[in-house]
N, C-alpha and C. Protein backbone atom coordinates (compact mmCIF):
# COMPACT_ATOMS: atom_id res chain seq x y z
N MET A 1 0.66 -1.28 0.24
CA MET A 1 -0.25 -0.05 0.27
C MET A 1 0.79 1.12 0.04
N ALA A 2 0.33 2.36 -1.17
CA ALA A 2 1.52 3.33 -0.78
C ALA A 2 0.84 4.15 0.36
N ILE A 3 1.37 5.14 0.75
CA ILE A 3 1.32 5.67 1.52
C ILE A 3 1.54 7.55 1.08
N VAL A 4 -0.31 7.93 1.87
CA VAL A 4 -0.50 9.25 0.71
C VAL A 4 -0.22 10.40 1.95
N LYS A 5 -0.15 11.99 1.59
CA LYS A 5 0.61 13.33 1.82
C LYS A 5 -0.30 12.58 3.74
N SER A 6 -2.03 12.49 3.91
CA SER A 6 -2.41 12.47 5.68
C SER A 6 -1.42 12.15 6.74
N GLU A 7 -0.89 10.81 5.70
CA GLU A 7 -0.93 9.82 6.65
C GLU A 7 0.93 10.10 7.11
N LEU A 8 1.66 10.04 5.98
CA LEU A 8 2.21 10.32 6.44
C LEU A 8 2.70 12.09 7.07
N ILE A 9 1.76 12.53 7.66
CA ILE A 9 1.93 13.55 8.30
C ILE A 9 1.40 13.27 10.00
N LYS A 10 0.05 12.06 9.50
CA LYS A 10 -0.02 11.02 10.68
C LYS A 10 2.12 10.65 11.45
N GLN A 11 2.18 10.50 10.64
CA GLN A 11 3.21 9.29 11.53
C GLN A 11 3.99 10.41 11.46
N LEU A 12 4.40 11.49 11.09
CA LEU A 12 5.24 12.76 11.70
C LEU A 12 4.63 13.06 12.79
N LYS A 13 3.72 13.73 13.32
CA LYS A 13 2.99 13.75 14.41
C LYS A 13 3.42 12.66 15.22
N LYS A 14 2.75 11.79 14.99
CA LYS A 14 3.49 10.71 16.16
C LYS A 14 5.24 10.90 16.46
N SER A 15 6.05 11.02 15.48
CA SER A 15 7.14 11.10 15.98
C SER A 15 7.97 12.34 16.38
N TYR A 16 6.81 13.65 15.65
CA TYR A 16 6.87 14.99 16.80
C TYR A 16 6.05 15.32 17.11
N PRO A 17 5.28 15.02 18.22
CA PRO A 17 4.34 15.50 18.71
C PRO A 17 4.41 16.97 19.03
N ASN A 18 5.00 17.90 19.35
CA ASN A 18 5.96 19.17 19.37
C ASN A 18 5.28 20.31 18.30
N PHE A 19 5.41 19.74 17.60
CA PHE A 19 4.81 20.28 15.77
C PHE A 19 3.33 20.01 15.96
N LEU A 20 2.71 21.22 15.26
CA LEU A 20 1.40 21.61 14.77
C LEU A 20 0.90 21.12 13.40
N SER A 21 0.02 20.00 13.64
CA SER A 21 -0.54 19.51 12.46
C SER A 21 -0.07 20.58 10.99
N ARG A 22 -1.06 21.88 11.01
CA ARG A 22 -0.85 22.08 9.58
C ARG A 22 0.43 23.48 9.85
N ASP A 23 1.52 22.66 11.04
CA ASP A 23 3.09 23.27 10.41
C ASP A 23 3.42 21.94 9.18
N LEU A 24 3.38 20.76 9.92
CA LEU A 24 4.22 19.55 9.39
C LEU A 24 3.23 19.53 7.36
N ASN A 25 2.16 20.30 7.21
CA ASN A 25 1.05 19.96 6.68
C ASN A 25 1.78 21.24 5.48
N LYS A 26 2.45 22.02 6.07
CA LYS A 26 2.29 23.29 5.52
C LYS A 26 4.36 22.75 4.90
N LEU A 27 4.79 21.82 5.57
CA LEU A 27 6.68 21.55 5.52
C LEU A 27 6.18 21.05 4.46
N ILE A 28 5.96 20.47 4.65
CA ILE A 28 5.48 19.10 3.01
C ILE A 28 4.89 19.21 1.91
N ASP A 29 4.05 20.90 1.55
CA ASP A 29 3.89 21.74 0.85
C ASP A 29 4.73 22.27 0.21
N ILE A 30 5.60 23.03 1.22
CA ILE A 30 7.41 23.30 0.33
C ILE A 30 8.08 23.00 -0.41
N ILE A 31 7.82 21.25 1.34
CA ILE A 31 9.67 20.69 0.15
C ILE A 31 8.95 20.39 -1.28
N LEU A 32 7.85 20.23 -1.41
CA LEU A 32 7.39 19.51 -2.57
C LEU A 32 7.08 20.22 -4.07
N LYS A 33 6.33 21.48 -2.93
CA LYS A 33 6.85 22.67 -4.73
C LYS A 33 8.08 23.07 -4.56
N GLU A 34 9.92 23.08 -3.59
CA GLU A 34 10.60 23.50 -4.19
C GLU A 34 10.85 22.48 -5.45
N ILE A 35 10.87 20.78 -4.90
CA ILE A 35 11.08 20.04 -5.53
C ILE A 35 10.83 20.18 -7.42
N ARG A 36 9.42 20.75 -7.10
CA ARG A 36 8.61 20.62 -8.62
C ARG A 36 8.60 21.97 -9.40
N ASN A 37 9.75 23.46 -8.61
CA ASN A 37 10.05 24.55 -9.33
C ASN A 37 11.75 24.27 -9.76
N THR A 38 12.39 23.35 -8.89
CA THR A 38 13.47 22.50 -9.26
C THR A 38 13.58 21.87 -10.86
N LEU A 39 12.91 20.91 -10.97
CA LEU A 39 12.29 20.34 -12.27
C LEU A 39 12.30 20.83 -12.84
N ASN A 40 11.26 21.77 -12.92
CA ASN A 40 10.75 22.62 -13.97
C ASN A 40 11.27 23.99 -14.36
N ARG A 41 12.73 23.45 -13.92
CA ARG A 41 13.96 24.58 -14.25
C ARG A 41 15.06 23.71 -14.67
N GLY A 42 14.51 22.38 -15.24
CA GLY A 42 15.83 21.36 -16.48
C GLY A 42 16.45 21.75 -15.03
N GLU A 43 16.52 21.66 -14.21
CA GLU A 43 18.02 21.67 -12.48
C GLU A 43 17.59 19.87 -12.12
N GLY A 44 18.64 18.84 -11.52
CA GLY A 44 17.95 18.15 -11.12
C GLY A 44 17.87 18.47 -8.86
N VAL A 45 17.58 17.22 -8.85
CA VAL A 45 17.69 17.41 -6.90
C VAL A 45 18.66 16.38 -6.65
N GLU A 46 18.66 16.21 -5.02
CA GLU A 46 19.08 15.19 -4.74
C GLU A 46 19.05 15.12 -3.17
N LEU A 47 18.01 14.08 -3.16
CA LEU A 47 18.28 14.01 -1.18
C LEU A 47 18.73 12.79 -0.90
N ARG A 48 20.22 12.95 -0.59
CA ARG A 48 20.77 12.36 0.42
C ARG A 48 20.31 11.55 1.11
N GLY A 49 20.81 10.29 0.70
CA GLY A 49 20.43 9.10 1.17
C GLY A 49 19.43 8.66 0.88
N PHE A 50 18.69 9.25 0.04
CA PHE A 50 16.95 8.66 -0.70
C PHE A 50 17.75 8.39 -2.34
N GLY A 51 18.11 9.87 -3.09
CA GLY A 51 18.12 9.66 -3.79
C GLY A 51 18.41 10.61 -5.10
N THR A 52 17.61 10.81 -6.05
CA THR A 52 17.56 11.35 -7.27
C THR A 52 16.84 11.65 -8.39
N PHE A 53 16.14 12.85 -8.31
CA PHE A 53 15.24 13.64 -9.69
C PHE A 53 15.41 13.69 -10.92
N ARG A 54 15.55 13.94 -11.81
CA ARG A 54 16.19 14.10 -12.98
C ARG A 54 14.99 14.81 -14.34
N THR A 55 15.50 15.15 -15.40
CA THR A 55 13.60 15.34 -16.58
C THR A 55 14.75 14.69 -17.02
N ASN A 56 14.10 14.33 -17.64
CA ASN A 56 14.40 13.44 -19.02
C ASN A 56 13.44 14.31 -20.70
N ILE A 57 13.87 14.89 -21.15
CA ILE A 57 13.54 14.54 -22.25
C ILE A 57 13.45 14.13 -23.45
N GLN A 58 11.34 13.12 -24.27
CA GLN A 58 11.41 12.36 -24.53
C GLN A 58 10.95 13.20 -26.40
N ARG A 59 11.99 12.07 -27.03
CA ARG A 59 11.80 12.92 -28.56
C ARG A 59 10.48 12.52 -29.15
N GLU A 60 9.39 13.49 -30.42
CA GLU A 60 8.49 13.63 -30.61
C GLU A 60 8.75 11.87 -31.75
N SER A 61 7.66 11.23 -31.82
CA SER A 61 7.35 10.24 -32.94
C SER A 61 5.73 10.55 -33.02
N ILE A 62 6.17 8.97 -33.63
CA ILE A 62 4.84 8.68 -34.59
C ILE A 62 4.77 6.66 -33.61
N ARG A 63 3.75 7.04 -33.00
CA ARG A 63 2.99 5.71 -32.80
C ARG A 63 2.24 5.53 -32.72
N ARG A 64 1.75 4.14 -32.82
CA ARG A 64 0.39 2.89 -33.29
C ARG A 64 -0.13 3.22 -31.89
N ASN A 65 -1.61 2.91 -31.84
CA ASN A 65 -3.04 3.04 -31.10
C ASN A 65 -2.83 1.69 -31.38
N PRO A 66 -2.40 0.95 -30.52
CA PRO A 66 -2.86 -0.91 -31.27
C PRO A 66 -4.78 -1.07 -30.54
N LYS A 67 -5.78 -0.23 -30.45
CA LYS A 67 -7.00 -1.18 -30.59
C LYS A 67 -7.22 -0.61 -31.61
N THR A 68 -7.12 0.21 -32.47
CA THR A 68 -8.04 0.85 -33.22
C THR A 68 -6.43 0.04 -34.66
N GLY A 69 -5.47 0.98 -34.46
CA GLY A 69 -4.14 0.42 -35.36
C GLY A 69 -3.81 1.40 -36.12
N THR A 70 -4.26 2.77 -36.21
CA THR A 70 -3.75 4.45 -36.25
C THR A 70 -2.49 4.39 -35.75
N LYS A 71 -1.82 6.04 -36.52
CA LYS A 71 -1.11 5.99 -35.87
C LYS A 71 -1.22 7.01 -35.40
N ILE A 72 -0.12 7.83 -34.55
CA ILE A 72 -0.68 9.07 -33.69
C ILE A 72 0.40 9.47 -33.51
N ASN A 73 1.03 11.28 -33.71
CA ASN A 73 1.47 11.38 -33.48
C ASN A 73 1.79 12.02 -31.70
N VAL A 74 3.04 11.72 -31.19
CA VAL A 74 3.18 11.79 -29.97
C VAL A 74 3.79 13.08 -30.18
N PRO A 75 3.75 14.09 -29.16
CA PRO A 75 4.03 15.51 -29.50
C PRO A 75 6.23 15.53 -28.06
N LYS A 76 7.13 15.88 -27.91
CA LYS A 76 7.39 15.85 -27.11
C LYS A 76 7.50 16.29 -25.84
N LYS A 77 8.06 15.37 -25.02
CA LYS A 77 7.41 16.43 -23.45
C LYS A 77 8.11 16.06 -22.68
N ARG A 78 7.97 15.90 -21.95
CA ARG A 78 9.06 16.24 -20.03
C ARG A 78 8.87 15.10 -19.05
N THR A 79 9.61 14.25 -18.73
CA THR A 79 10.14 12.75 -18.12
C THR A 79 10.86 13.12 -16.93
N ILE A 80 10.13 12.66 -15.93
CA ILE A 80 10.79 12.99 -14.04
C ILE A 80 11.32 11.22 -14.82
N LYS A 81 12.88 11.55 -14.09
CA LYS A 81 13.43 9.93 -13.76
C LYS A 81 14.30 10.32 -11.95
N TRP A 82 13.67 8.80 -11.36
CA TRP A 82 14.02 8.89 -9.96
C TRP A 82 15.70 7.84 -10.48
N LYS A 83 16.39 8.40 -9.33
CA LYS A 83 17.39 6.62 -9.42
C LYS A 83 17.63 7.06 -7.58
N MET A 84 17.48 6.04 -7.14
CA MET A 84 17.85 5.79 -5.69
C MET A 84 19.45 5.38 -5.56
N SER A 85 19.47 5.94 -4.20
CA SER A 85 20.63 6.66 -3.52
C SER A 85 20.87 4.92 -2.97
N LYS A 86 22.89 3.66 -2.56
CA LYS A 86 22.80 3.40 -2.55
C LYS A 86 22.74 3.28 -0.79
N ASP A 87 22.48 4.26 -0.20
CA ASP A 87 22.65 3.76 1.20
C ASP A 87 20.68 3.48 0.97
N LEU A 88 19.62 3.70 0.61
CA LEU A 88 18.10 3.38 0.37
C LEU A 88 18.63 1.46 -0.12
N PHE A 89 19.09 2.02 -1.39
CA PHE A 89 19.69 0.48 -2.10
C PHE A 89 20.20 -0.73 -0.83
N LYS A 90 20.89 -0.43 0.21
CA LYS A 90 20.88 -1.47 0.95
C LYS A 90 20.45 -1.43 1.85
N LYS A 91 20.15 -0.80 2.52
CA LYS A 91 18.73 -1.12 3.71
C LYS A 91 17.39 -1.65 3.45
N LEU A 92 17.19 -1.69 1.65
CA LEU A 92 15.55 -2.16 0.87
C LEU A 92 16.07 -3.43 0.83
N ASN A 93 17.62 -3.89 0.54
CA ASN A 93 17.52 -5.00 0.26
C ASN A 93 18.20 -6.38 1.56
N ASN A 94 18.77 -5.66 2.65
CA ASN A 94 19.02 -6.25 3.49
C ASN A 94 20.36 -6.25 4.12
N GLU A 95 21.41 -5.63 3.42
CA GLU A 95 22.66 -5.85 3.41
C GLU A 95 23.51 -4.60 4.09
N LYS A 96 24.75 -5.08 4.23
CA LYS A 96 25.44 -4.51 5.34
C LYS A 96 25.96 -3.87 5.67
N GLU A 97 26.67 -2.63 5.36
CA GLU A 97 27.44 -1.32 4.83
C GLU A 97 28.88 -2.00 4.78
């Protein structure tokens, strides 16, 4: 099951009871907004111990609709690539450092 923003705030509230929920919510909003703004500028985001986010440009292409078989022109678009850190990889795979 994926964690949603409200569950993340509840877990943070348990770990840091002195913080108000609205302050934690605002903090999460600020962090996510800064990540979005940085990626919009075409820059990368590195969160040590977690991973890096980078934008990738997919070229314009002609693809086929598998249902109808018609050809469709797909415009160029930006996507996000995420690469996990070595620390996170080791923790997920129960490896010792």
